[in-house]
Amino acid sequence: MTVFCPKCSKSVRSNSRAIECDNCLSWYHLKCTELTLKDYRYYACTDDLWLCISCRDLIFPFNNIETPEIIEMAFNSNSDCLCSRNIACVKLEHLPRLNIVSSFDNSVNFSQIDPESNLPSMVNFKYYSTHDFHQSSEISSLFSDKSFSIIHCNIRSLAKNYDSLVSMLDELQHSFDVIGLSEIKFKLGKDQLVNTSLPNYKFVSQPSKYEAGGVGFYIHNKLSFRIRSDLSLITDDFESLWIEIDTKNNRNLLCGIFYRHPNSNLESFTNSLYDNIEKVHRESKYCIVLGDFNINLLSNDIHPPTEEFVNNLGSYFFQPHILKPTRITNYSATLIDNIFLTP
């Protein structure tokens, strides 16, 4: 069967450099797309979805936003408010959403959890600018001396982006109990000449075998914790770091952060993760798993390994609490960073 490129109307030969749109299933010559050769090779060896221009305009109305505008939403300041008054008006609510049901509603704090009394409800997931976050009465009403708060950031080098992290935390105007960082780019056996000090926090990390990768936690000084070396791992495929936080009740809180390297062995990663989850499950403690998994949850209905990943975590009552894309480019929107909670 002869296949024709919708852009140039010429045939796409079997030996041509071409790429298939994952939405309309049309084949395009590489030269008829906006992709570079590097981008083309990336999509050829990963599970990330690629969409043609027509499908991007139909599904992702944000795709014409310039990268600086997106950055401005996350990091911006002025002398009056530490956040921008000119936040880009982007209708992010139109992005695809992962439809799941959570055992928590948005009013439940960890200190108040009673699984038997909390019926499943939709996760209250929204996009917030730093301004929206610290101005929201809905958010501020959830914070108290008894609540627990955690944030995850794919830092892409703590050395390069430390100042941006500090700026963002200042603009959010909330002292999170735990700050999880993935892709800190600390290499095993290499001295780190990096300022990791953050007032009122202690920093612990797990380096990588490579220049990329690595994970870390900032834990607030008010918390008593210990590193769970029996759960933490460094492998060729991923890094993980687990801590156990003492609570005032009989059940401590376990936090695990992961960074899975792109194109690494998915089966090796998931098997190791499930082994850890099984151990944690037997301990009957509250648990949070977060990080950059490089598994696009939005493809769970077309990619069996991703569907299995979501279902297996769900079998231990772990539910994802980030439901819309966390990485937006000119070509795609993927949900590869997440925070999973279980009662």
C-alpha atoms as a PDB file:
ATOM      1  CA  MET A   1       0.000   0.000   0.000  1.00  0.00           C
ATOM      2  CA  THR A   2       1.334   3.401  -0.982  1.00  0.00           C
ATOM      3  CA  VAL A   3       1.413   6.024   1.780  1.00  0.00           C
ATOM      4  CA  PHE A   4       1.405   9.723   0.959  1.00  0.00           C
ATOM      5  CA  CYS A   5       2.757  12.576   3.060  1.00  0.00           C
ATOM      6  CA  PRO A   6      -0.109  15.040   3.852  1.00  0.00           C
ATOM      7  CA  LYS A   7       2.327  17.962   3.679  1.00  0.00           C
ATOM      8  CA  CYS A   8       3.871  17.483   0.217  1.00  0.00           C
ATOM      9  CA  SER A   9       1.469  14.852  -1.167  1.00  0.00           C
ATOM     10  CA  LYS A  10       4.410  12.734  -2.309  1.00  0.00           C
ATOM     11  CA  SER A  11       4.752   9.050  -1.483  1.00  0.00           C
ATOM     12  CA  VAL A  12       6.581   7.954   1.649  1.00  0.00           C
ATOM     13  CA  ARG A  13       8.917   5.114   0.753  1.00  0.00           C
ATOM     14  CA  SER A  14       9.908   2.399   3.197  1.00  0.00           C
ATOM     15  CA  ASN A  15      13.511   3.636   3.247  1.00  0.00           C
ATOM     16  CA  SER A  16      12.576   7.308   3.676  1.00  0.00           C
ATOM     17  CA  ARG A  17      13.266   9.269   6.831  1.00  0.00           C
ATOM     18  CA  ALA A  18       9.688   9.630   7.957  1.00  0.00           C
ATOM     19  CA  ILE A  19       7.667   9.736  11.155  1.00  0.00           C
ATOM     20  CA  GLU A  20       4.105   8.689  11.980  1.00  0.00           C
ATOM     21  CA  CYS A  21       1.709  10.971  13.858  1.00  0.00           C
ATOM     22  CA  ASP A  22       0.514   9.097  16.949  1.00  0.00           C
ATOM     23  CA  ASN A  23      -2.916  10.698  16.696  1.00  0.00           C
ATOM     24  CA  CYS A  24      -3.989  10.625  13.021  1.00  0.00           C
ATOM     25  CA  LEU A  25      -1.483   7.876  12.033  1.00  0.00           C
ATOM     26  CA  SER A  26      -0.363   9.821   8.956  1.00  0.00           C
ATOM     27  CA  TRP A  27       3.261   9.500   7.804  1.00  0.00           C
ATOM     28  CA  TYR A  28       5.339  12.644   7.186  1.00  0.00           C
ATOM     29  CA  HIS A  29       8.731  13.059   5.548  1.00  0.00           C
ATOM     30  CA  LEU A  30      11.230  14.369   8.061  1.00  0.00           C
ATOM     31  CA  LYS A  31      11.821  17.418   5.843  1.00  0.00           C
ATOM     32  CA  CYS A  32       8.052  18.118   5.943  1.00  0.00           C
ATOM     33  CA  THR A  33       8.057  18.449   9.737  1.00  0.00           C
ATOM     34  CA  GLU A  34       9.605  20.909  12.158  1.00  0.00           C
ATOM     35  CA  LEU A  35      11.819  18.184  13.603  1.00  0.00           C
ATOM     36  CA  THR A  36      15.585  18.268  13.570  1.00  0.00           C
ATOM     37  CA  LEU A  37      17.522  15.085  12.872  1.00  0.00           C
ATOM     38  CA  LYS A  38      18.283  14.862  16.600  1.00  0.00           C
ATOM     39  CA  ASP A  39      14.574  15.147  17.439  1.00  0.00           C
ATOM     40  CA  TYR A  40      13.735  12.547  14.808  1.00  0.00           C
ATOM     41  CA  ARG A  41      16.204  10.051  16.253  1.00  0.00           C
ATOM     42  CA  TYR A  42      14.881  10.747  19.753  1.00  0.00           C
ATOM     43  CA  TYR A  43      11.278   9.882  18.819  1.00  0.00           C
ATOM     44  CA  ALA A  44      12.482   6.836  16.880  1.00  0.00           C
ATOM     45  CA  CYS A  45      13.930   5.244  20.026  1.00  0.00           C
ATOM     46  CA  THR A  46      11.511   6.390  22.751  1.00  0.00           C
ATOM     47  CA  ASP A  47       7.867   5.895  23.655  1.00  0.00           C
ATOM     48  CA  ASP A  48       7.124   9.640  23.591  1.00  0.00           C
ATOM     49  CA  LEU A  49       4.212  10.604  21.394  1.00  0.00           C
ATOM     50  CA  TRP A  50       4.772  12.770  18.307  1.00  0.00           C
ATOM     51  CA  LEU A  51       1.922  14.776  16.799  1.00  0.00           C
ATOM     52  CA  CYS A  52       1.757  16.489  13.436  1.00  0.00           C
ATOM     53  CA  ILE A  53       1.002  20.218  13.282  1.00  0.00           C
ATOM     54  CA  SER A  54      -2.705  19.688  12.529  1.00  0.00           C
ATOM     55  CA  CYS A  55      -3.195  17.357  15.477  1.00  0.00           C
ATOM     56  CA  ARG A  56      -1.184  19.598  17.804  1.00  0.00           C
ATOM     57  CA  ASP A  57      -3.416  22.549  16.948  1.00  0.00           C
ATOM     58  CA  LEU A  58      -6.482  20.406  17.559  1.00  0.00           C
ATOM     59  CA  ILE A  59      -5.417  18.721  20.799  1.00  0.00           C
ATOM     60  CA  PHE A  60      -2.904  21.151  22.328  1.00  0.00           C
ATOM     61  CA  PRO A  61      -4.089  24.756  21.917  1.00  0.00           C
ATOM     62  CA  PHE A  62      -1.044  25.893  23.924  1.00  0.00           C
ATOM     63  CA  ASN A  63       1.513  24.829  21.310  1.00  0.00           C
ATOM     64  CA  ASN A  64       1.971  28.301  19.851  1.00  0.00           C
ATOM     65  CA  ILE A  65       3.059  29.714  23.219  1.00  0.00           C
ATOM     66  CA  GLU A  66       6.703  30.715  23.177  1.00  0.00           C
ATOM     67  CA  THR A  67       9.039  28.998  25.640  1.00  0.00           C
ATOM     68  CA  PRO A  68       9.853  32.270  27.474  1.00  0.00           C
ATOM     69  CA  GLU A  69       6.150  32.698  28.262  1.00  0.00           C
ATOM     70  CA  ILE A  70       6.016  29.249  29.867  1.00  0.00           C
ATOM     71  CA  ILE A  71       9.152  29.968  31.882  1.00  0.00           C
ATOM     72  CA  GLU A  72       7.665  33.289  32.958  1.00  0.00           C
ATOM     73  CA  MET A  73       4.749  31.447  34.536  1.00  0.00           C
ATOM     74  CA  ALA A  74       7.116  29.476  36.763  1.00  0.00           C
ATOM     75  CA  PHE A  75       9.845  32.025  37.531  1.00  0.00           C
ATOM     76  CA  ASN A  76       9.023  35.715  37.543  1.00  0.00           C
ATOM     77  CA  SER A  77       9.308  38.537  40.033  1.00  0.00           C
ATOM     78  CA  ASN A  78       8.929  42.223  40.621  1.00  0.00           C
ATOM     79  CA  SER A  79       9.788  44.475  43.529  1.00  0.00           C
ATOM     80  CA  ASP A  80       6.265  44.502  44.925  1.00  0.00           C
ATOM     81  CA  CYS A  81       5.164  40.897  45.014  1.00  0.00           C
ATOM     82  CA  LEU A  82       7.947  38.479  44.059  1.00  0.00           C
ATOM     83  CA  CYS A  83       5.696  37.247  41.264  1.00  0.00           C
ATOM     84  CA  SER A  84       4.511  38.569  37.945  1.00  0.00           C
ATOM     85  CA  ARG A  85       1.369  40.632  37.480  1.00  0.00           C
ATOM     86  CA  ASN A  86       1.539  39.890  33.771  1.00  0.00           C
ATOM     87  CA  ILE A  87       1.179  36.112  33.851  1.00  0.00           C
ATOM     88  CA  ALA A  88       0.546  34.663  30.392  1.00  0.00           C
ATOM     89  CA  CYS A  89      -3.140  33.851  29.873  1.00  0.00           C
ATOM     90  CA  VAL A  90      -2.830  30.234  28.838  1.00  0.00           C
ATOM     91  CA  LYS A  91      -5.866  27.951  28.866  1.00  0.00           C
ATOM     92  CA  LEU A  92      -4.022  25.012  30.381  1.00  0.00           C
ATOM     93  CA  GLU A  93      -7.328  23.421  31.347  1.00  0.00           C
ATOM     94  CA  HIS A  94      -7.643  22.241  27.750  1.00  0.00           C
ATOM     95  CA  LEU A  95      -4.638  19.947  28.054  1.00  0.00           C
ATOM     96  CA  PRO A  96      -5.289  16.190  28.128  1.00  0.00           C
ATOM     97  CA  ARG A  97      -5.946  14.866  31.629  1.00  0.00           C
ATOM     98  CA  LEU A  98      -5.284  11.520  33.258  1.00  0.00           C
ATOM     99  CA  ASN A  99      -8.627  10.391  34.642  1.00  0.00           C
ATOM    100  CA  ILE A 100      -8.155   8.569  37.931  1.00  0.00           C
ATOM    101  CA  VAL A 101      -9.983   8.389  41.245  1.00  0.00           C
ATOM    102  CA  SER A 102      -8.198   9.130  44.505  1.00  0.00           C
ATOM    103  CA  SER A 103      -8.981   7.985  48.029  1.00  0.00           C
ATOM    104  CA  PHE A 104      -8.260  11.536  49.265  1.00  0.00           C
ATOM    105  CA  ASP A 105     -10.187  14.720  48.727  1.00  0.00           C
ATOM    106  CA  ASN A 106      -8.569  18.123  48.794  1.00  0.00           C
ATOM    107  CA  SER A 107      -9.431  18.787  52.446  1.00  0.00           C
ATOM    108  CA  VAL A 108      -7.617  15.813  53.935  1.00  0.00           C
ATOM    109  CA  ASN A 109      -4.270  16.232  55.708  1.00  0.00           C
ATOM    110  CA  PHE A 110      -2.036  13.305  56.595  1.00  0.00           C
ATOM    111  CA  SER A 111      -2.672  13.835  60.292  1.00  0.00           C
ATOM    112  CA  GLN A 112      -6.419  13.425  59.675  1.00  0.00           C
ATOM    113  CA  ILE A 113      -6.390  10.375  57.405  1.00  0.00           C
ATOM    114  CA  ASP A 114      -9.012   7.739  58.074  1.00  0.00           C
ATOM    115  CA  PRO A 115      -9.222   5.519  54.964  1.00  0.00           C
ATOM    116  CA  GLU A 116     -12.560   4.024  55.965  1.00  0.00           C
ATOM    117  CA  SER A 117     -14.239   7.423  56.202  1.00  0.00           C
ATOM    118  CA  ASN A 118     -12.827   8.959  53.006  1.00  0.00           C
ATOM    119  CA  LEU A 119     -14.747   7.797  49.966  1.00  0.00           C
ATOM    120  CA  PRO A 120     -13.023   8.017  46.557  1.00  0.00           C
ATOM    121  CA  SER A 121     -13.173  11.435  44.924  1.00  0.00           C
ATOM    122  CA  MET A 122     -11.536  13.165  41.993  1.00  0.00           C
ATOM    123  CA  VAL A 123      -8.089  14.560  42.708  1.00  0.00           C
ATOM    124  CA  ASN A 124      -8.105  18.353  42.982  1.00  0.00           C
ATOM    125  CA  PHE A 125      -5.349  18.962  40.435  1.00  0.00           C
ATOM    126  CA  LYS A 126      -4.799  22.411  38.956  1.00  0.00           C
ATOM    127  CA  TYR A 127      -2.018  24.479  37.414  1.00  0.00           C
ATOM    128  CA  TYR A 128      -0.931  27.402  39.585  1.00  0.00           C
ATOM    129  CA  SER A 129       1.450  30.257  38.974  1.00  0.00           C
ATOM    130  CA  THR A 130       3.570  31.242  41.974  1.00  0.00           C
ATOM    131  CA  HIS A 131       1.247  34.241  42.399  1.00  0.00           C
ATOM    132  CA  ASP A 132      -1.888  32.057  42.331  1.00  0.00           C
ATOM    133  CA  PHE A 133      -0.311  29.687  44.856  1.00  0.00           C
ATOM    134  CA  HIS A 134       0.454  32.169  47.609  1.00  0.00           C
ATOM    135  CA  GLN A 135      -2.705  34.223  46.982  1.00  0.00           C
ATOM    136  CA  SER A 136      -5.104  31.249  47.029  1.00  0.00           C
ATOM    137  CA  SER A 137      -7.276  31.003  50.136  1.00  0.00           C
ATOM    138  CA  GLU A 138      -8.143  27.466  49.036  1.00  0.00           C
ATOM    139  CA  ILE A 139      -4.488  26.451  49.344  1.00  0.00           C
ATOM    140  CA  SER A 140      -3.686  28.418  52.498  1.00  0.00           C
ATOM    141  CA  SER A 141      -6.672  26.871  54.294  1.00  0.00           C
ATOM    142  CA  LEU A 142      -5.045  23.432  53.923  1.00  0.00           C
ATOM    143  CA  PHE A 143      -1.842  24.398  55.727  1.00  0.00           C
ATOM    144  CA  SER A 144      -1.665  24.029  59.494  1.00  0.00           C
ATOM    145  CA  ASP A 145       0.708  22.811  62.175  1.00  0.00           C
ATOM    146  CA  LYS A 146      -0.788  19.334  61.729  1.00  0.00           C
ATOM    147  CA  SER A 147      -0.611  19.133  57.941  1.00  0.00           C
ATOM    148  CA  PHE A 148       2.229  17.737  55.836  1.00  0.00           C
ATOM    149  CA  SER A 149       3.351  19.366  52.576  1.00  0.00           C
ATOM    150  CA  ILE A 150       5.726  18.114  49.895  1.00  0.00           C
ATOM    151  CA  ILE A 151       6.867  19.454  46.516  1.00  0.00           C
ATOM    152  CA  HIS A 152       8.831  17.870  43.665  1.00  0.00           C
ATOM    153  CA  CYS A 153      11.046  19.692  41.183  1.00  0.00           C
ATOM    154  CA  ASN A 154      13.024  18.274  38.272  1.00  0.00           C
ATOM    155  CA  ILE A 155      15.964  20.580  38.860  1.00  0.00           C
ATOM    156  CA  ARG A 156      18.134  19.530  35.856  1.00  0.00           C
ATOM    157  CA  SER A 157      21.353  20.287  37.754  1.00  0.00           C
ATOM    158  CA  LEU A 158      21.258  21.668  41.272  1.00  0.00           C
ATOM    159  CA  ALA A 159      24.526  23.495  40.627  1.00  0.00           C
ATOM    160  CA  LYS A 160      23.112  25.434  37.681  1.00  0.00           C
ATOM    161  CA  ASN A 161      19.595  26.019  38.988  1.00  0.00           C
ATOM    162  CA  TYR A 162      20.051  26.436  42.725  1.00  0.00           C
ATOM    163  CA  ASP A 163      19.299  30.181  42.554  1.00  0.00           C
ATOM    164  CA  SER A 164      16.137  29.528  40.521  1.00  0.00           C
ATOM    165  CA  LEU A 165      14.992  26.969  43.106  1.00  0.00           C
ATOM    166  CA  VAL A 166      15.503  29.437  45.960  1.00  0.00           C
ATOM    167  CA  SER A 167      13.660  32.124  43.984  1.00  0.00           C
ATOM    168  CA  MET A 168      10.711  29.843  43.282  1.00  0.00           C
ATOM    169  CA  LEU A 169      10.435  28.771  46.931  1.00  0.00           C
ATOM    170  CA  ASP A 170      10.530  32.422  48.009  1.00  0.00           C
ATOM    171  CA  GLU A 171       7.741  33.268  45.574  1.00  0.00           C
ATOM    172  CA  LEU A 172       5.576  30.345  46.740  1.00  0.00           C
ATOM    173  CA  GLN A 173       5.839  31.753  50.283  1.00  0.00           C
ATOM    174  CA  HIS A 174       5.401  28.406  52.015  1.00  0.00           C
ATOM    175  CA  SER A 175       7.900  26.336  53.995  1.00  0.00           C
ATOM    176  CA  PHE A 176       7.316  22.856  52.628  1.00  0.00           C
ATOM    177  CA  ASP A 177       8.075  19.997  54.990  1.00  0.00           C
ATOM    178  CA  VAL A 178       9.937  18.091  52.278  1.00  0.00           C
ATOM    179  CA  ILE A 179      11.341  19.292  48.940  1.00  0.00           C
ATOM    180  CA  GLY A 180      12.162  16.483  46.515  1.00  0.00           C
ATOM    181  CA  LEU A 181      14.618  17.074  43.661  1.00  0.00           C
ATOM    182  CA  SER A 182      15.279  14.815  40.694  1.00  0.00           C
ATOM    183  CA  GLU A 183      18.102  15.034  38.137  1.00  0.00           C
ATOM    184  CA  ILE A 184      20.385  16.927  40.519  1.00  0.00           C
ATOM    185  CA  LYS A 185      23.376  15.744  38.414  1.00  0.00           C
ATOM    186  CA  PHE A 186      25.597  14.558  41.262  1.00  0.00           C
ATOM    187  CA  LYS A 187      27.989  11.839  40.056  1.00  0.00           C
ATOM    188  CA  LEU A 188      29.034   8.927  42.265  1.00  0.00           C
ATOM    189  CA  GLY A 189      32.589   9.294  43.585  1.00  0.00           C
ATOM    190  CA  LYS A 190      32.910  12.902  42.449  1.00  0.00           C
ATOM    191  CA  ASP A 191      33.228  15.718  44.987  1.00  0.00           C
ATOM    192  CA  GLN A 192      30.371  18.171  44.675  1.00  0.00           C
ATOM    193  CA  LEU A 193      31.464  21.789  44.873  1.00  0.00           C
ATOM    194  CA  VAL A 194      27.844  22.899  45.121  1.00  0.00           C
ATOM    195  CA  ASN A 195      26.129  25.099  47.660  1.00  0.00           C
ATOM    196  CA  THR A 196      23.247  22.929  48.906  1.00  0.00           C
ATOM    197  CA  SER A 197      22.498  24.928  52.032  1.00  0.00           C
ATOM    198  CA  LEU A 198      18.902  26.043  52.445  1.00  0.00           C
ATOM    199  CA  PRO A 199      17.900  27.822  55.671  1.00  0.00           C
ATOM    200  CA  ASN A 200      15.946  25.556  58.054  1.00  0.00           C
ATOM    201  CA  TYR A 201      16.517  22.441  55.913  1.00  0.00           C
ATOM    202  CA  LYS A 202      18.867  19.464  55.882  1.00  0.00           C
ATOM    203  CA  PHE A 203      19.932  18.085  52.497  1.00  0.00           C
ATOM    204  CA  VAL A 204      20.442  14.382  51.677  1.00  0.00           C
ATOM    205  CA  SER A 205      21.132  12.972  48.229  1.00  0.00           C
ATOM    206  CA  GLN A 206      21.681   9.882  46.119  1.00  0.00           C
ATOM    207  CA  PRO A 207      24.222  10.381  43.286  1.00  0.00           C
ATOM    208  CA  SER A 208      24.217   8.768  39.857  1.00  0.00           C
ATOM    209  CA  LYS A 209      26.714   6.570  38.030  1.00  0.00           C
ATOM    210  CA  TYR A 210      26.551   9.096  35.212  1.00  0.00           C
ATOM    211  CA  GLU A 211      26.871  12.845  34.753  1.00  0.00           C
ATOM    212  CA  ALA A 212      23.067  13.034  34.512  1.00  0.00           C
ATOM    213  CA  GLY A 213      20.573  11.840  37.094  1.00  0.00           C
ATOM    214  CA  GLY A 214      20.684  11.705  40.860  1.00  0.00           C
ATOM    215  CA  VAL A 215      18.009  12.591  43.430  1.00  0.00           C
ATOM    216  CA  GLY A 216      17.831  14.471  46.716  1.00  0.00           C
ATOM    217  CA  PHE A 217      15.622  15.708  49.544  1.00  0.00           C
ATOM    218  CA  TYR A 218      15.527  18.902  51.559  1.00  0.00           C
ATOM    219  CA  ILE A 219      13.915  17.966  54.899  1.00  0.00           C
ATOM    220  CA  HIS A 220      12.707  20.675  57.255  1.00  0.00           C
ATOM    221  CA  ASN A 221      14.616  20.869  60.537  1.00  0.00           C
ATOM    222  CA  LYS A 222      11.400  20.461  62.526  1.00  0.00           C
ATOM    223  CA  LEU A 223      11.141  16.855  61.284  1.00  0.00           C
ATOM    224  CA  SER A 224      12.963  13.840  62.683  1.00  0.00           C
ATOM    225  CA  PHE A 225      13.946  11.375  59.956  1.00  0.00           C
ATOM    226  CA  ARG A 226      16.356   8.649  58.908  1.00  0.00           C
ATOM    227  CA  ILE A 227      17.588   7.452  55.529  1.00  0.00           C
ATOM    228  CA  ARG A 228      16.276   4.016  54.533  1.00  0.00           C
ATOM    229  CA  SER A 229      19.425   2.537  53.001  1.00  0.00           C
ATOM    230  CA  ASP A 230      17.673  -0.827  52.670  1.00  0.00           C
ATOM    231  CA  LEU A 231      15.306   0.704  50.096  1.00  0.00           C
ATOM    232  CA  SER A 232      17.591   3.251  48.377  1.00  0.00           C
ATOM    233  CA  LEU A 233      19.355   2.159  45.182  1.00  0.00           C
ATOM    234  CA  ILE A 234      21.846   3.251  42.503  1.00  0.00           C
ATOM    235  CA  THR A 235      21.653   1.227  39.271  1.00  0.00           C
ATOM    236  CA  ASP A 236      22.448   1.670  35.585  1.00  0.00           C
ATOM    237  CA  ASP A 237      18.776   2.481  34.989  1.00  0.00           C
ATOM    238  CA  PHE A 238      17.738   4.714  37.894  1.00  0.00           C
ATOM    239  CA  GLU A 239      18.510   6.242  41.287  1.00  0.00           C
ATOM    240  CA  SER A 240      16.227   6.160  44.311  1.00  0.00           C
ATOM    241  CA  LEU A 241      16.398   7.605  47.806  1.00  0.00           C
ATOM    242  CA  TRP A 242      14.058   6.732  50.679  1.00  0.00           C
ATOM    243  CA  ILE A 243      13.612   8.480  54.010  1.00  0.00           C
ATOM    244  CA  GLU A 244      11.385   7.622  56.968  1.00  0.00           C
ATOM    245  CA  ILE A 245       9.870  10.543  58.860  1.00  0.00           C
ATOM    246  CA  ASP A 246       8.764  10.171  62.469  1.00  0.00           C
ATOM    247  CA  THR A 247       5.185  11.208  63.126  1.00  0.00           C
ATOM    248  CA  LYS A 248       3.284  11.802  66.335  1.00  0.00           C
ATOM    249  CA  ASN A 249       1.074   8.779  65.801  1.00  0.00           C
ATOM    250  CA  ASN A 250       1.918   5.092  65.460  1.00  0.00           C
ATOM    251  CA  ARG A 251       2.502   5.149  61.707  1.00  0.00           C
ATOM    252  CA  ASN A 252       5.606   6.835  60.324  1.00  0.00           C
ATOM    253  CA  LEU A 253       5.753   8.344  56.839  1.00  0.00           C
ATOM    254  CA  LEU A 254       7.974   6.888  54.100  1.00  0.00           C
ATOM    255  CA  CYS A 255       9.049   9.132  51.197  1.00  0.00           C
ATOM    256  CA  GLY A 256      10.801   7.721  48.139  1.00  0.00           C
ATOM    257  CA  ILE A 257      12.131   9.780  45.245  1.00  0.00           C
ATOM    258  CA  PHE A 258      13.166   8.312  41.870  1.00  0.00           C
ATOM    259  CA  TYR A 259      14.916   9.366  38.697  1.00  0.00           C
ATOM    260  CA  ARG A 260      14.699   6.883  35.826  1.00  0.00           C
ATOM    261  CA  HIS A 261      17.109   7.584  32.982  1.00  0.00           C
ATOM    262  CA  PRO A 262      15.494   8.045  29.536  1.00  0.00           C
ATOM    263  CA  ASN A 263      15.606   4.941  27.322  1.00  0.00           C
ATOM    264  CA  SER A 264      16.775   2.793  30.244  1.00  0.00           C
ATOM    265  CA  ASN A 265      15.401  -0.686  30.863  1.00  0.00           C
ATOM    266  CA  LEU A 266      11.785  -0.118  31.890  1.00  0.00           C
ATOM    267  CA  GLU A 267      11.226  -3.676  33.114  1.00  0.00           C
ATOM    268  CA  SER A 268      14.293  -3.532  35.369  1.00  0.00           C
ATOM    269  CA  PHE A 269      13.084  -0.265  36.880  1.00  0.00           C
ATOM    270  CA  THR A 270       9.496  -1.348  37.475  1.00  0.00           C
ATOM    271  CA  ASN A 271      10.490  -4.725  38.966  1.00  0.00           C
ATOM    272  CA  SER A 272      12.789  -2.996  41.439  1.00  0.00           C
ATOM    273  CA  LEU A 273      10.109  -0.430  42.264  1.00  0.00           C
ATOM    274  CA  TYR A 274       7.498  -3.146  42.865  1.00  0.00           C
ATOM    275  CA  ASP A 275       9.904  -4.981  45.193  1.00  0.00           C
ATOM    276  CA  ASN A 276      10.294  -1.795  47.233  1.00  0.00           C
ATOM    277  CA  ILE A 277       6.562  -1.141  47.237  1.00  0.00           C
ATOM    278  CA  GLU A 278       5.940  -4.672  48.490  1.00  0.00           C
ATOM    279  CA  LYS A 279       8.350  -4.110  51.404  1.00  0.00           C
ATOM    280  CA  VAL A 280       6.761  -0.763  52.216  1.00  0.00           C
ATOM    281  CA  HIS A 281       3.281  -2.269  52.020  1.00  0.00           C
ATOM    282  CA  ARG A 282       4.175  -4.875  54.647  1.00  0.00           C
ATOM    283  CA  GLU A 283       5.303  -2.118  57.028  1.00  0.00           C
ATOM    284  CA  SER A 284       1.828  -0.538  57.011  1.00  0.00           C
ATOM    285  CA  LYS A 285       3.103   3.050  56.977  1.00  0.00           C
ATOM    286  CA  TYR A 286       1.966   6.135  55.168  1.00  0.00           C
ATOM    287  CA  CYS A 287       3.899   6.420  51.914  1.00  0.00           C
ATOM    288  CA  ILE A 288       4.681   8.952  49.190  1.00  0.00           C
ATOM    289  CA  VAL A 289       6.550   8.093  45.976  1.00  0.00           C
ATOM    290  CA  LEU A 290       7.624  10.953  43.735  1.00  0.00           C
ATOM    291  CA  GLY A 291      10.090  11.844  41.005  1.00  0.00           C
ATOM    292  CA  ASP A 292      10.806  11.807  37.299  1.00  0.00           C
ATOM    293  CA  PHE A 293       9.852   8.328  36.099  1.00  0.00           C
ATOM    294  CA  ASN A 294      10.173   9.089  32.360  1.00  0.00           C
ATOM    295  CA  ILE A 295       6.986   7.081  31.874  1.00  0.00           C
ATOM    296  CA  ASN A 296       4.281   9.087  30.109  1.00  0.00           C
ATOM    297  CA  LEU A 297       1.087   8.294  32.023  1.00  0.00           C
ATOM    298  CA  LEU A 298      -1.025   9.913  29.303  1.00  0.00           C
ATOM    299  CA  SER A 299      -0.123   7.007  27.009  1.00  0.00           C
ATOM    300  CA  ASN A 300      -1.446   4.377  29.416  1.00  0.00           C
ATOM    301  CA  ASP A 301      -4.317   3.474  27.083  1.00  0.00           C
ATOM    302  CA  ILE A 302      -2.016   2.779  24.104  1.00  0.00           C
ATOM    303  CA  HIS A 303       1.196   1.590  25.786  1.00  0.00           C
ATOM    304  CA  PRO A 304       0.745  -1.687  27.760  1.00  0.00           C
ATOM    305  CA  PRO A 305       3.866  -1.244  29.992  1.00  0.00           C
ATOM    306  CA  THR A 306       2.585   2.162  31.101  1.00  0.00           C
ATOM    307  CA  GLU A 307      -0.874   0.758  31.780  1.00  0.00           C
ATOM    308  CA  GLU A 308       0.741  -2.026  33.806  1.00  0.00           C
ATOM    309  CA  PHE A 309       2.793   0.541  35.749  1.00  0.00           C
ATOM    310  CA  VAL A 310      -0.320   2.522  36.748  1.00  0.00           C
ATOM    311  CA  ASN A 311      -2.326  -0.618  37.552  1.00  0.00           C
ATOM    312  CA  ASN A 312       0.410  -2.229  39.639  1.00  0.00           C
ATOM    313  CA  LEU A 313       0.853   0.889  41.755  1.00  0.00           C
ATOM    314  CA  GLY A 314      -2.927   1.108  42.031  1.00  0.00           C
ATOM    315  CA  SER A 315      -3.077  -2.435  43.365  1.00  0.00           C
ATOM    316  CA  TYR A 316      -1.158  -1.139  46.409  1.00  0.00           C
ATOM    317  CA  PHE A 317      -3.515   1.879  46.597  1.00  0.00           C
ATOM    318  CA  PHE A 318      -0.964   4.324  45.152  1.00  0.00           C
ATOM    319  CA  GLN A 319      -2.680   6.977  43.059  1.00  0.00           C
ATOM    320  CA  PRO A 320      -1.022   9.670  40.894  1.00  0.00           C
ATOM    321  CA  HIS A 321      -1.777  13.202  42.047  1.00  0.00           C
ATOM    322  CA  ILE A 322      -0.458  15.051  39.001  1.00  0.00           C
ATOM    323  CA  LEU A 323      -2.923  14.550  36.183  1.00  0.00           C
ATOM    324  CA  LYS A 324      -1.839  16.905  33.385  1.00  0.00           C
ATOM    325  CA  PRO A 325       1.383  17.288  31.371  1.00  0.00           C
ATOM    326  CA  THR A 326       4.499  18.179  33.354  1.00  0.00           C
ATOM    327  CA  ARG A 327       6.762  18.612  30.328  1.00  0.00           C
ATOM    328  CA  ILE A 328       5.524  20.779  27.454  1.00  0.00           C
ATOM    329  CA  THR A 329       7.562  21.293  24.276  1.00  0.00           C
ATOM    330  CA  ASN A 330       6.807  22.609  20.809  1.00  0.00           C
ATOM    331  CA  TYR A 331       6.106  19.041  19.721  1.00  0.00           C
ATOM    332  CA  SER A 332       4.499  17.206  22.635  1.00  0.00           C
ATOM    333  CA  ALA A 333       3.062  17.286  26.134  1.00  0.00           C
ATOM    334  CA  THR A 334       3.940  14.412  28.455  1.00  0.00           C
ATOM    335  CA  LEU A 335       3.144  13.463  32.035  1.00  0.00           C
ATOM    336  CA  ILE A 336       6.403  11.912  33.215  1.00  0.00           C
ATOM    337  CA  ASP A 337       6.858  13.528  36.659  1.00  0.00           C
ATOM    338  CA  ASN A 338       4.493  12.609  39.444  1.00  0.00           C
ATOM    339  CA  ILE A 339       3.652  12.249  43.112  1.00  0.00           C
ATOM    340  CA  PHE A 340       1.937   9.027  44.191  1.00  0.00           C
ATOM    341  CA  LEU A 341       0.192   8.786  47.567  1.00  0.00           C
ATOM    342  CA  THR A 342      -1.214   5.869  49.514  1.00  0.00           C
ATOM    343  CA  PRO A 343      -3.007   5.884  52.874  1.00  0.00           C
END
